[in-house]
Protein backbone atom coordinates (compact mmCIF):
# COMPACT_ATOMS: atom_id res chain seq x y z
CA MET A 1 -24.39 16.53 1.50
CA ALA A 2 -22.92 14.89 4.99
CA ILE A 3 -20.79 11.91 3.89
CA PRO A 4 -21.85 9.00 6.77
CA ASN A 5 -19.05 8.34 9.30
CA ASP A 6 -20.54 6.08 11.37
CA PRO A 7 -19.69 2.42 11.27
CA ALA A 8 -23.13 0.60 11.01
CA ALA A 9 -23.34 2.78 8.17
CA LYS A 10 -20.48 0.64 6.35
CA SER A 11 -21.18 -2.93 7.85
CA ALA A 12 -20.65 -5.85 5.48
CA THR A 13 -24.58 -6.57 5.34
CA ALA A 14 -25.02 -3.76 1.95
CA VAL A 15 -27.94 -3.18 0.68
CA GLU A 16 -27.69 -3.41 -3.11
CA ALA A 17 -28.74 -0.61 -5.63
CA THR A 18 -32.32 -0.88 -7.32
CA PRO A 19 -33.94 1.13 -9.65
CA ALA A 20 -35.53 2.80 -6.32
CA SER A 21 -31.95 4.34 -5.20
CA VAL A 22 -31.47 5.67 -8.91
CA SER A 23 -34.77 7.26 -8.57
CA ALA A 24 -33.64 9.17 -5.54
CA ALA A 25 -30.25 10.10 -6.38
CA PRO A 26 -29.58 14.16 -5.63
CA GLY A 27 -29.94 16.06 -9.03
CA TRP A 28 -27.60 17.69 -11.29
CA LEU A 29 -26.15 20.80 -9.64
CA ALA A 30 -26.22 18.62 -5.83
CA ALA A 31 -24.39 16.14 -8.02
CA TRP A 32 -21.59 18.07 -8.84
CA ARG A 33 -21.44 20.29 -5.77
CA VAL A 34 -20.29 16.18 -4.25
CA TYR A 35 -17.06 17.53 -5.66
CA LEU A 36 -16.47 21.18 -3.35
CA GLU A 37 -17.44 19.14 -0.11
CA PRO A 38 -14.34 18.45 2.27
CA ALA A 39 -13.71 14.99 2.12
CA SER A 40 -13.26 15.88 -2.38
CA LEU A 41 -10.73 18.37 -1.87
CA ARG A 42 -9.05 16.28 0.67
CA MET A 43 -8.68 13.65 -1.86
CA LEU A 44 -7.57 15.63 -4.74
CA ALA A 45 -4.86 16.83 -2.56
CA LEU A 46 -3.78 13.51 -1.55
CA GLY A 47 -3.89 12.09 -5.44
CA PHE A 48 -1.11 14.77 -6.31
CA ALA A 49 0.87 13.35 -3.09
CA ALA A 50 0.15 9.47 -4.71
CA GLY A 51 0.74 10.58 -8.63
CA LEU A 52 3.83 12.23 -7.61
CA PRO A 53 5.70 9.45 -7.08
CA LEU A 54 5.40 7.37 -10.27
CA LEU A 55 6.90 9.15 -12.80
CA LEU A 56 10.31 10.45 -10.80
CA VAL A 57 11.07 6.39 -10.61
CA LEU A 58 9.90 5.97 -13.97
CA GLY A 59 9.64 8.18 -16.92
CA THR A 60 11.60 11.16 -15.54
CA LEU A 61 14.55 9.26 -14.42
CA SER A 62 14.80 7.30 -17.81
CA PHE A 63 15.08 10.68 -19.25
CA ARG A 64 17.91 11.79 -16.50
CA LEU A 65 19.64 8.69 -16.33
CA ARG A 66 20.19 8.66 -20.14
CA GLU A 67 20.91 12.28 -20.34
CA ALA A 68 23.84 10.79 -17.75
CA GLY A 69 24.70 8.80 -20.13
CA ILE A 70 23.45 5.89 -19.07
CA ASP A 71 22.70 3.18 -21.52
CA ARG A 72 19.42 1.92 -22.81
CA ALA A 73 19.61 -1.88 -21.80
CA THR A 74 20.35 -0.47 -18.60
CA ILE A 75 17.50 1.86 -18.29
CA GLY A 76 15.23 -0.72 -19.25
CA HIS A 77 15.99 -3.27 -16.41
CA LEU A 78 15.66 -0.85 -14.64
CA SER A 79 12.22 -0.21 -14.80
CA TRP A 80 11.82 -2.99 -13.18
CA VAL A 81 11.39 -0.82 -9.80
CA GLY A 82 7.99 -0.74 -10.52
CA LEU A 83 6.87 -3.80 -10.15
CA ALA A 84 6.62 -3.01 -6.35
CA TYR A 85 3.40 -1.42 -7.56
CA GLY A 86 2.51 -4.61 -8.84
CA PHE A 87 3.07 -6.67 -5.61
CA LYS A 88 1.81 -4.28 -2.96
CA TRP A 89 -0.87 -6.73 -1.85
CA ALA A 90 1.63 -8.96 -0.06
CA TRP A 91 2.12 -6.06 2.21
CA ALA A 92 -1.15 -4.72 2.93
CA PRO A 93 -2.41 -7.09 5.43
CA LEU A 94 0.42 -5.35 7.66
CA VAL A 95 -0.89 -1.34 6.13
CA ASP A 96 -4.57 -2.88 7.38
CA ARG A 97 -4.01 -4.26 11.13
CA LEU A 98 -0.46 -3.59 12.34
CA PRO A 99 -0.31 -0.39 14.59
CA LEU A 100 2.89 2.11 13.65
CA PRO A 101 4.88 2.61 17.42
CA GLY A 102 4.43 6.32 18.00
CA LEU A 103 2.35 7.21 14.78
CA GLY A 104 -0.38 4.80 15.70
CA ARG A 105 -1.97 7.78 17.94
CA LEU A 106 -2.92 9.33 14.41
CA GLY A 107 -4.94 5.97 14.03
CA GLN A 108 -4.29 3.34 11.50
CA ARG A 109 -4.57 4.88 7.93
CA ARG A 110 -3.68 8.76 8.93
CA SER A 111 -0.17 7.31 10.02
CA TRP A 112 0.60 4.71 7.81
CA LEU A 113 0.51 7.45 5.18
CA LEU A 114 2.69 10.00 7.23
CA LEU A 115 5.29 6.57 7.24
CA ALA A 116 4.59 6.56 2.94
CA GLN A 117 4.96 9.53 2.49
CA ALA A 118 8.00 9.78 4.86
CA LEU A 119 9.12 7.24 2.41
CA VAL A 120 9.13 8.62 -0.25
CA VAL A 121 10.35 11.89 0.56
CA ALA A 122 13.36 10.63 2.43
CA GLY A 123 14.04 8.49 -1.31
CA LEU A 124 13.56 11.77 -3.56
CA VAL A 125 16.14 13.53 -1.74
CA GLY A 126 18.49 10.60 -1.91
CA MET A 127 17.60 10.56 -5.31
CA ALA A 128 18.51 14.27 -5.45
CA LEU A 129 22.01 14.23 -4.36
CA VAL A 130 23.42 11.06 -6.02
CA ASP A 131 25.12 11.50 -9.16
CA PRO A 132 24.14 9.06 -11.51
CA ARG A 133 27.19 9.00 -13.80
CA GLU A 134 29.73 8.36 -10.14
CA ALA A 135 27.24 5.84 -8.44
CA LEU A 136 24.23 4.12 -10.09
CA GLY A 137 23.73 1.66 -6.97
CA PRO A 138 22.70 3.71 -4.72
CA ILE A 139 19.80 5.98 -6.88
CA VAL A 140 18.34 2.79 -8.20
CA ALA A 141 18.36 1.76 -4.26
CA CYS A 142 17.02 5.21 -3.85
CA ALA A 143 14.05 4.29 -6.45
CA LEU A 144 13.33 1.40 -4.99
CA LEU A 145 12.74 3.47 -1.53
CA VAL A 146 10.28 6.04 -3.08
CA ALA A 147 8.58 2.87 -5.33
CA PHE A 148 8.16 1.00 -2.26
CA GLY A 149 6.93 4.13 -0.27
CA SER A 150 4.74 5.33 -2.87
CA ALA A 151 2.97 1.91 -3.55
CA THR A 152 2.35 1.90 0.40
CA GLN A 153 1.03 5.16 0.30
CA ASP A 154 -1.49 3.94 -2.48
CA ILE A 155 -2.47 1.24 -0.27
CA ALA A 156 -3.41 3.27 2.89
CA LEU A 157 -4.68 5.69 1.06
CA ASP A 158 -7.45 3.49 -0.87
CA ALA A 159 -8.13 2.18 2.26
CA PHE A 160 -8.57 5.83 3.98
CA ARG A 161 -10.96 6.49 0.35
CA ILE A 162 -12.99 3.31 1.07
CA GLU A 163 -13.55 4.30 4.52
CA SER A 164 -13.98 7.69 4.48
CA ALA A 165 -17.85 7.54 2.28
CA ASP A 166 -20.42 5.27 0.98
CA THR A 167 -20.99 3.43 -2.75
CA ALA A 168 -22.48 7.01 -3.73
CA HIS A 169 -19.53 8.65 -3.19
CA GLN A 170 -16.91 6.66 -4.29
CA GLY A 171 -16.88 7.81 -7.80
CA ALA A 172 -16.62 11.62 -6.78
CA LEU A 173 -13.72 10.58 -4.46
CA ALA A 174 -11.96 8.56 -7.14
CA ALA A 175 -12.50 11.50 -9.70
CA SER A 176 -10.95 13.92 -6.84
CA TYR A 177 -8.20 11.64 -6.59
CA GLN A 178 -7.64 11.01 -10.47
CA ALA A 179 -7.64 14.75 -10.94
CA GLY A 180 -4.90 15.04 -8.13
CA TYR A 181 -3.27 11.87 -9.90
CA ARG A 182 -2.56 13.55 -13.46
CA LEU A 183 -1.49 16.83 -12.07
CA ALA A 184 1.13 15.48 -9.88
CA MET A 185 2.14 13.45 -13.62
CA ILE A 186 2.39 17.20 -15.23
CA TRP A 187 4.06 18.22 -12.46
CA ALA A 188 6.64 15.22 -11.62
CA GLY A 189 7.14 15.50 -15.85
CA ALA A 190 6.84 18.69 -17.61
CA GLY A 191 7.43 20.28 -14.58
CA VAL A 192 10.63 18.44 -13.07
CA LEU A 193 12.20 18.95 -16.88
CA TRP A 194 11.28 22.63 -16.81
CA ILE A 195 12.80 23.13 -13.38
CA ALA A 196 16.05 21.50 -14.21
CA ALA A 197 16.12 22.65 -17.36
CA ARG A 198 15.58 26.73 -15.94
CA ALA A 199 18.18 25.75 -13.20
CA GLN A 200 20.63 24.52 -15.74
CA GLY A 201 20.49 27.76 -17.95
CA GLU A 202 22.45 28.28 -20.74
CA ALA A 203 24.52 25.28 -20.55
CA SER A 204 24.18 21.51 -22.95
CA GLY A 205 24.63 18.15 -21.37
CA TYR A 206 23.66 16.63 -17.94
CA ASP A 207 24.29 19.38 -15.19
CA ALA A 208 23.56 17.09 -11.87
CA ALA A 209 23.63 20.49 -9.74
CA ALA A 210 20.36 21.61 -12.18
CA TRP A 211 18.78 17.61 -11.42
CA ARG A 212 19.22 17.98 -8.08
CA ILE A 213 17.40 21.00 -7.36
CA ALA A 214 14.75 19.67 -9.99
CA TYR A 215 14.93 16.76 -7.18
CA LEU A 216 14.83 18.21 -3.80
CA VAL A 217 11.69 20.45 -4.90
CA MET A 218 9.62 17.51 -6.36
CA ALA A 219 10.38 16.21 -2.51
CA ALA A 220 8.91 19.22 -1.64
CA SER A 221 6.20 18.87 -3.09
CA MET A 222 4.94 15.95 -1.13
CA ALA A 223 4.23 18.37 1.67
CA VAL A 224 1.18 18.63 0.38
CA GLY A 225 0.11 15.21 0.57
CA MET A 226 1.59 15.29 4.41
CA VAL A 227 0.05 18.84 5.83
CA THR A 228 -3.19 17.27 3.97
CA VAL A 229 -2.91 14.16 6.00
CA GLY A 230 -1.82 16.37 9.56
CA PHE A 231 -5.69 18.24 8.95
CA SER A 232 -7.59 15.06 8.25
CA ARG A 233 -9.75 13.18 10.14
CA GLU A 234 -8.72 9.53 10.79
CA PRO A 235 -12.21 7.20 9.36
CA ALA A 236 -14.14 5.38 12.24
CA ALA A 237 -12.43 2.64 13.50
CA ARG A 238 -12.91 -0.47 13.00
CA ASP A 239 -14.09 -3.26 15.80
CA ILE A 240 -10.73 -5.53 15.23
CA PRO A 241 -10.24 -8.97 17.76
CA ARG A 242 -7.26 -8.80 19.65
CA ALA A 243 -5.02 -11.56 18.75
CA ARG A 244 -4.10 -13.33 20.65
CA SER A 245 -1.21 -14.85 18.94
CA LEU A 246 0.67 -14.86 15.67
CA ALA A 247 -1.16 -17.07 14.45
CA ASP A 248 -4.84 -15.21 15.18
CA TRP A 249 -3.13 -12.18 13.99
CA LEU A 250 -2.16 -13.84 10.95
CA ARG A 251 -5.48 -15.19 10.31
CA GLY A 252 -7.19 -12.40 10.82
CA ALA A 253 -4.54 -9.98 8.58
CA VAL A 254 -4.01 -12.37 5.95
CA VAL A 255 -6.88 -15.31 5.63
CA GLU A 256 -9.56 -13.60 6.55
CA PRO A 257 -9.82 -10.88 4.28
CA PHE A 258 -9.50 -13.23 0.95
CA ALA A 259 -11.92 -15.67 3.02
CA ASP A 260 -14.52 -12.79 3.75
CA PHE A 261 -14.10 -11.84 0.50
CA ILE A 262 -15.66 -15.44 -1.33
CA GLY A 263 -17.81 -15.51 1.96
CA ARG A 264 -19.51 -12.52 0.88
CA TYR A 265 -20.25 -13.32 -3.19
CA ARG A 266 -19.19 -17.28 -3.66
CA TRP A 267 -19.92 -18.49 -7.23
CA GLN A 268 -20.43 -15.08 -8.12
CA ALA A 269 -16.61 -14.14 -6.52
CA VAL A 270 -15.22 -16.10 -10.19
CA LEU A 271 -17.59 -13.99 -12.24
CA ILE A 272 -16.62 -10.35 -10.26
CA LEU A 273 -12.70 -11.16 -10.46
CA THR A 274 -12.94 -12.24 -13.93
CA LEU A 275 -14.77 -8.73 -15.16
CA ILE A 276 -11.64 -7.22 -12.97
CA ALA A 277 -9.09 -8.73 -14.16
CA CYS A 278 -10.38 -8.15 -18.55
CA TYR A 279 -12.26 -4.61 -17.85
CA ARG A 280 -9.51 -2.48 -18.71
CA ILE A 281 -7.80 -5.10 -21.59
CA SER A 282 -8.95 -3.09 -24.61
CA ASP A 283 -7.05 0.21 -22.73
CA VAL A 284 -3.51 -1.45 -22.22
CA VAL A 285 -3.11 -4.03 -24.85
CA MET A 286 -3.71 -1.04 -27.12
CA GLY A 287 -1.88 1.44 -24.94
CA ILE A 288 1.11 0.05 -25.54
CA MET A 289 1.62 0.63 -29.08
CA ALA A 290 0.26 4.39 -28.79
CA ASN A 291 4.06 5.60 -28.88
CA PRO A 292 5.19 3.47 -31.65
CA PHE A 293 1.76 4.13 -33.57
CA TYR A 294 2.63 7.85 -33.24
CA VAL A 295 6.43 7.82 -34.15
CA ASP A 296 5.82 5.40 -37.36
CA MET A 297 2.92 7.44 -38.78
CA GLY A 298 5.87 10.84 -38.37
CA TYR A 299 4.61 12.79 -36.06
CA THR A 300 7.10 14.94 -33.97
CA LYS A 301 7.79 14.51 -30.29
CA ASP A 302 6.77 18.19 -29.28
CA GLU A 303 3.67 16.82 -31.36
CA VAL A 304 2.85 13.93 -29.35
CA ALA A 305 4.00 15.92 -25.97
CA ALA A 306 1.48 19.03 -27.17
CA VAL A 307 -1.47 16.58 -27.72
CA THR A 308 -0.98 14.19 -25.14
CA LYS A 309 0.09 16.47 -22.04
CA ILE A 310 -2.54 19.24 -22.92
CA TYR A 311 -5.54 17.65 -24.64
CA GLY A 312 -4.97 14.67 -23.26
CA VAL A 313 -4.49 15.28 -19.66
CA VAL A 314 -7.38 17.76 -19.74
CA MET A 315 -9.98 15.57 -21.43
CA THR A 316 -9.02 12.74 -18.94
CA LEU A 317 -9.20 14.73 -15.81
CA VAL A 318 -12.91 16.25 -17.70
CA GLY A 319 -13.88 12.66 -18.30
CA ALA A 320 -12.81 11.47 -14.90
CA PHE A 321 -15.31 14.29 -13.40
CA ILE A 322 -17.73 13.41 -15.43
CA GLY A 323 -17.77 9.39 -14.90
CA GLY A 324 -17.93 10.55 -10.81
CA VAL A 325 -21.24 12.70 -10.92
CA LEU A 326 -22.72 9.72 -13.61
CA SER A 327 -21.86 7.26 -11.18
CA LEU A 328 -23.49 9.13 -8.31
CA ARG A 329 -26.49 10.08 -10.19
CA LEU A 330 -27.10 6.83 -12.22
CA GLY A 331 -25.32 3.61 -10.58
CA VAL A 332 -21.86 2.86 -11.23
CA MET A 333 -22.98 -0.52 -13.04
CA ARG A 334 -24.36 1.52 -15.66
CA VAL A 335 -21.85 3.91 -15.89
CA LEU A 336 -19.30 0.72 -15.81
CA MET A 337 -20.96 -0.60 -18.96
CA LEU A 338 -20.97 3.07 -20.46
CA GLY A 339 -17.14 3.23 -19.61
CA ALA A 340 -16.26 0.04 -21.34
CA ALA A 341 -18.21 0.52 -24.55
CA ALA A 342 -16.41 3.72 -24.94
CA SER A 343 -13.31 2.60 -24.29
CA ALA A 344 -13.11 -0.05 -26.81
CA LEU A 345 -14.97 2.19 -29.34
CA THR A 346 -12.65 4.87 -29.36
CA ASN A 347 -9.83 1.94 -30.12
CA LEU A 348 -11.48 2.49 -33.68
CA LEU A 349 -10.50 6.05 -33.97
CA PHE A 350 -7.02 4.85 -34.18
CA ALA A 351 -7.81 2.30 -36.59
CA TRP A 352 -8.96 5.05 -38.69
CA LEU A 353 -5.77 7.32 -37.89
CA ALA A 354 -3.50 4.94 -39.22
CA GLY A 355 -5.27 4.85 -42.88
CA HIS A 356 -5.65 8.85 -42.60
CA GLY A 357 -2.34 9.80 -42.24
CA HIS A 358 -0.35 12.42 -40.23
CA ASP A 359 -2.76 14.87 -39.46
CA VAL A 360 -2.27 17.18 -36.34
CA PRO A 361 -6.34 18.04 -35.72
CA ALA A 362 -7.30 14.29 -36.27
CA LEU A 363 -4.74 13.53 -33.64
CA ILE A 364 -6.16 15.86 -31.30
CA GLY A 365 -9.44 14.33 -31.69
CA VAL A 366 -8.86 11.01 -31.45
CA VAL A 367 -6.50 11.24 -28.38
CA SER A 368 -9.13 13.43 -27.11
CA ALA A 369 -11.96 11.06 -26.85
CA ASP A 370 -10.05 8.00 -25.92
CA ASN A 371 -8.82 10.42 -22.76
CA LEU A 372 -12.76 11.00 -22.14
CA ALA A 373 -13.65 7.31 -22.62
CA SER A 374 -11.06 6.32 -20.56
CA GLY A 375 -11.20 8.60 -17.25
CA ILE A 376 -15.10 8.19 -17.50
CA ALA A 377 -14.23 4.43 -16.74
CA SER A 378 -11.60 4.71 -14.39
CA ALA A 379 -13.78 6.74 -12.75
CA ALA A 380 -16.83 4.02 -12.87
CA PHE A 381 -14.20 1.10 -12.06
CA ILE A 382 -12.33 2.30 -8.83
CA ALA A 383 -16.00 3.16 -7.29
CA TYR A 384 -16.57 -0.17 -8.63
CA LEU A 385 -14.06 -1.86 -6.73
CA SER A 386 -14.23 0.22 -3.58
CA GLY A 387 -17.84 -0.94 -3.27
CA LEU A 388 -16.95 -4.79 -3.44
CA THR A 389 -14.33 -4.05 -0.23
CA GLN A 390 -15.63 -4.73 3.39
CA VAL A 391 -14.48 -2.33 5.66
CA ARG A 392 -12.63 -4.24 7.94
CA TYR A 393 -10.42 -5.36 5.27
CA SER A 394 -9.94 -2.46 2.99
CA ALA A 395 -6.64 -1.82 2.17
CA THR A 396 -6.34 -5.33 1.57
CA GLN A 397 -8.60 -6.23 -0.43
CA TYR A 398 -8.09 -3.48 -2.43
CA ALA A 399 -4.53 -3.89 -2.85
CA LEU A 400 -5.51 -7.28 -4.52
CA LEU A 401 -8.39 -6.05 -6.27
CA SER A 402 -6.49 -3.22 -7.92
CA SER A 403 -3.27 -5.26 -8.42
CA LEU A 404 -5.45 -8.52 -10.21
CA MET A 405 -6.73 -6.17 -12.66
CA LEU A 406 -3.53 -4.79 -15.01
CA LEU A 407 -1.83 -8.57 -14.58
CA LEU A 408 -4.15 -10.29 -17.82
CA PRO A 409 -3.84 -7.16 -19.88
CA LYS A 410 0.03 -6.68 -19.14
CA PHE A 411 0.33 -9.85 -20.45
CA VAL A 412 -1.36 -9.78 -23.05
CA ALA A 413 -0.44 -6.91 -24.25
CA GLY A 414 3.31 -7.81 -24.34
CA PHE A 415 2.77 -9.27 -27.72
CA SER A 416 1.16 -6.37 -28.96
CA GLY A 417 4.51 -6.06 -30.94
CA ASP A 418 4.19 -9.18 -32.78
CA VAL A 419 0.29 -8.69 -33.76
CA VAL A 420 1.39 -5.60 -35.13
CA ASP A 421 4.18 -6.70 -37.10
CA ALA A 422 1.90 -9.46 -38.64
CA ILE A 423 -1.30 -7.46 -39.44
CA GLY A 424 -0.39 -3.58 -39.20
CA TYR A 425 -1.78 -0.58 -37.09
CA ALA A 426 -5.22 -0.56 -38.64
CA SER A 427 -6.16 -4.66 -38.15
CA PHE A 428 -4.26 -4.58 -34.86
CA PHE A 429 -6.03 -1.34 -33.12
CA THR A 430 -9.98 -3.28 -34.70
CA ALA A 431 -8.69 -6.27 -32.84
CA THR A 432 -8.34 -4.45 -29.81
CA ALA A 433 -11.94 -3.08 -29.53
CA LEU A 434 -13.53 -6.17 -30.00
CA LEU A 435 -11.65 -7.34 -26.90
CA GLY A 436 -14.11 -5.14 -25.31
CA LEU A 437 -16.87 -6.83 -26.22
CA PRO A 438 -16.44 -10.15 -23.74
CA VAL A 439 -15.75 -7.03 -21.49
CA LEU A 440 -19.67 -5.75 -22.03
CA VAL A 441 -21.16 -9.20 -21.86
CA LEU A 442 -18.96 -9.47 -17.81
CA VAL A 443 -20.24 -5.75 -16.64
CA TRP A 444 -24.08 -7.00 -17.70
CA ALA A 445 -23.54 -10.48 -15.90
CA ALA A 446 -21.83 -8.35 -13.24
CA SER A 447 -24.84 -5.78 -13.02
CA LYS A 448 -27.61 -9.43 -12.63
CA TRP A 449 -26.01 -11.23 -10.63
CA ALA A 450 -23.48 -9.39 -8.55
CA PRO A 451 -24.24 -6.44 -8.70
CA VAL A 452 -21.90 -3.60 -6.57
CA ALA A 453 -23.27 -2.94 -2.71
CA GLU A 454 -24.49 0.45 -1.20
CA LYS A 455 -22.20 0.21 1.80
C-alpha cells in the first residue's frame, strides 16, 4: 500500500470524507499491515526520539534533584522548564519556513530535526556532567536547552509526519509515533533509574557519577532518532514564494498560516477550535488527581508503579494501534467520537473504585481500561489535527493546534484539588465524566459541518 508523496495529492483543495470513501477502505488484514510500512517504522523510531527528553527534564530530573537534597519548592519551580512545550507555536514559523545554513541541503524538515536532536544531546550531556549539589544554575540552563530542542523537534516532526502521508494514513502514523514515544518514556523513566542504580552498586544516597553515566546513556540513545533522520527521505518540497523583504517573509511565515486556517474553515473554525480546546478536558482534569487518589486509597509506590508502567503503558499502546487501524478503516470522525465517549466513561470506573476500596486487581482493570480509551482517543485526535492542517503551513498550524488542546484543560485542572476537597473523589470523577458530554456534542457538530478532509 503506497503512501502518496505527490504534492498534487496533498493540495489545499481537499475532498471531504464520505460514506463512499469508507466503503472503499482496505480490508482488516491490509489495514493492520500499515504498521509494517517504512513510513510507520520510521515514525516508531522518531517517536522514540521525541519521547526521550520529556521525563529527563521533568519527572526523572525531579527524582535526581530530590535525592541530591534540593528542596521541594525549588524542584516545583523548576518544573516550569516544561512551559517550553506550551509555547512552541511562537517559533514554529521559523521551523516551518526558515532554511538552515549548511544543513539546509538535507531538506527543511530533516535539517531542523537534526539540529533539534543535536540540541537535546548537548543539553543531556551538560546535565550529565553537572552536579546539582555544587551548581544548580548550569543544570537548569541545560534542562532548558533540552526542553527547547525537544519542543523544536516536536514542531519539525509533526510537519514531517503530516507531509509524509495522506489523511487516511495519519492515524497509523500517529499510533506508531505514540508507541515509540511511550517506549522512550519507559526508558527515560524506569530505565534511567535502573542504570543509575546499577552504576551506584551497593552505595546509598546520591551518587553523582552514577547519574552522570545514566544521563550520558540517555544522550547516546538519541542516536536512534538521528540515524533515522539520516536514512529518511525528505517529504516532497512545497512551493513557497521567495520573500522579497522581511515583511514579505513575516507575512508568509506568520500571518498566512493563521489566515489560511480561518479562510478555509470560516465560521466552522470557531467550532473546530472549540472542539480542539475541549476534547481532552475529561482526561486531563481527572489525571491531575489520579496520583493523589492512589496515595489516599492506600496503594503503595510499588503497586502504582507496576500497574501504571506495565498495564497502563501496554494498554495505551494497544489503544493507539487500535485507534490507528479504526481511523484508517472507519474514518477519523467516527473514531474521534468513540475515543471521546470511552475516555469519559472510564472516569466512572474511578468513581466506582473510590467506593470499592484498596484492591490491586480492580486497579489493574480500571487503569487498563482508562489507558486503552486514552490510546484510542489520542490516535484519532492526532489524525484529526493532522487533517486540519494545510501542507504549506503544516509546522506552524499543527504547533498552534496542539498547543491549544491543553490550555483550557490545564487551567480547569488547576482547581481539581479544591473540588475533591469539597465533594470527594467519587463525585469528582463523576463530574469529570460529565465534562465529556459537551465534547460528544462538539464532535457530532464537527462531523456534520466541519468534517476532517482527505489530503
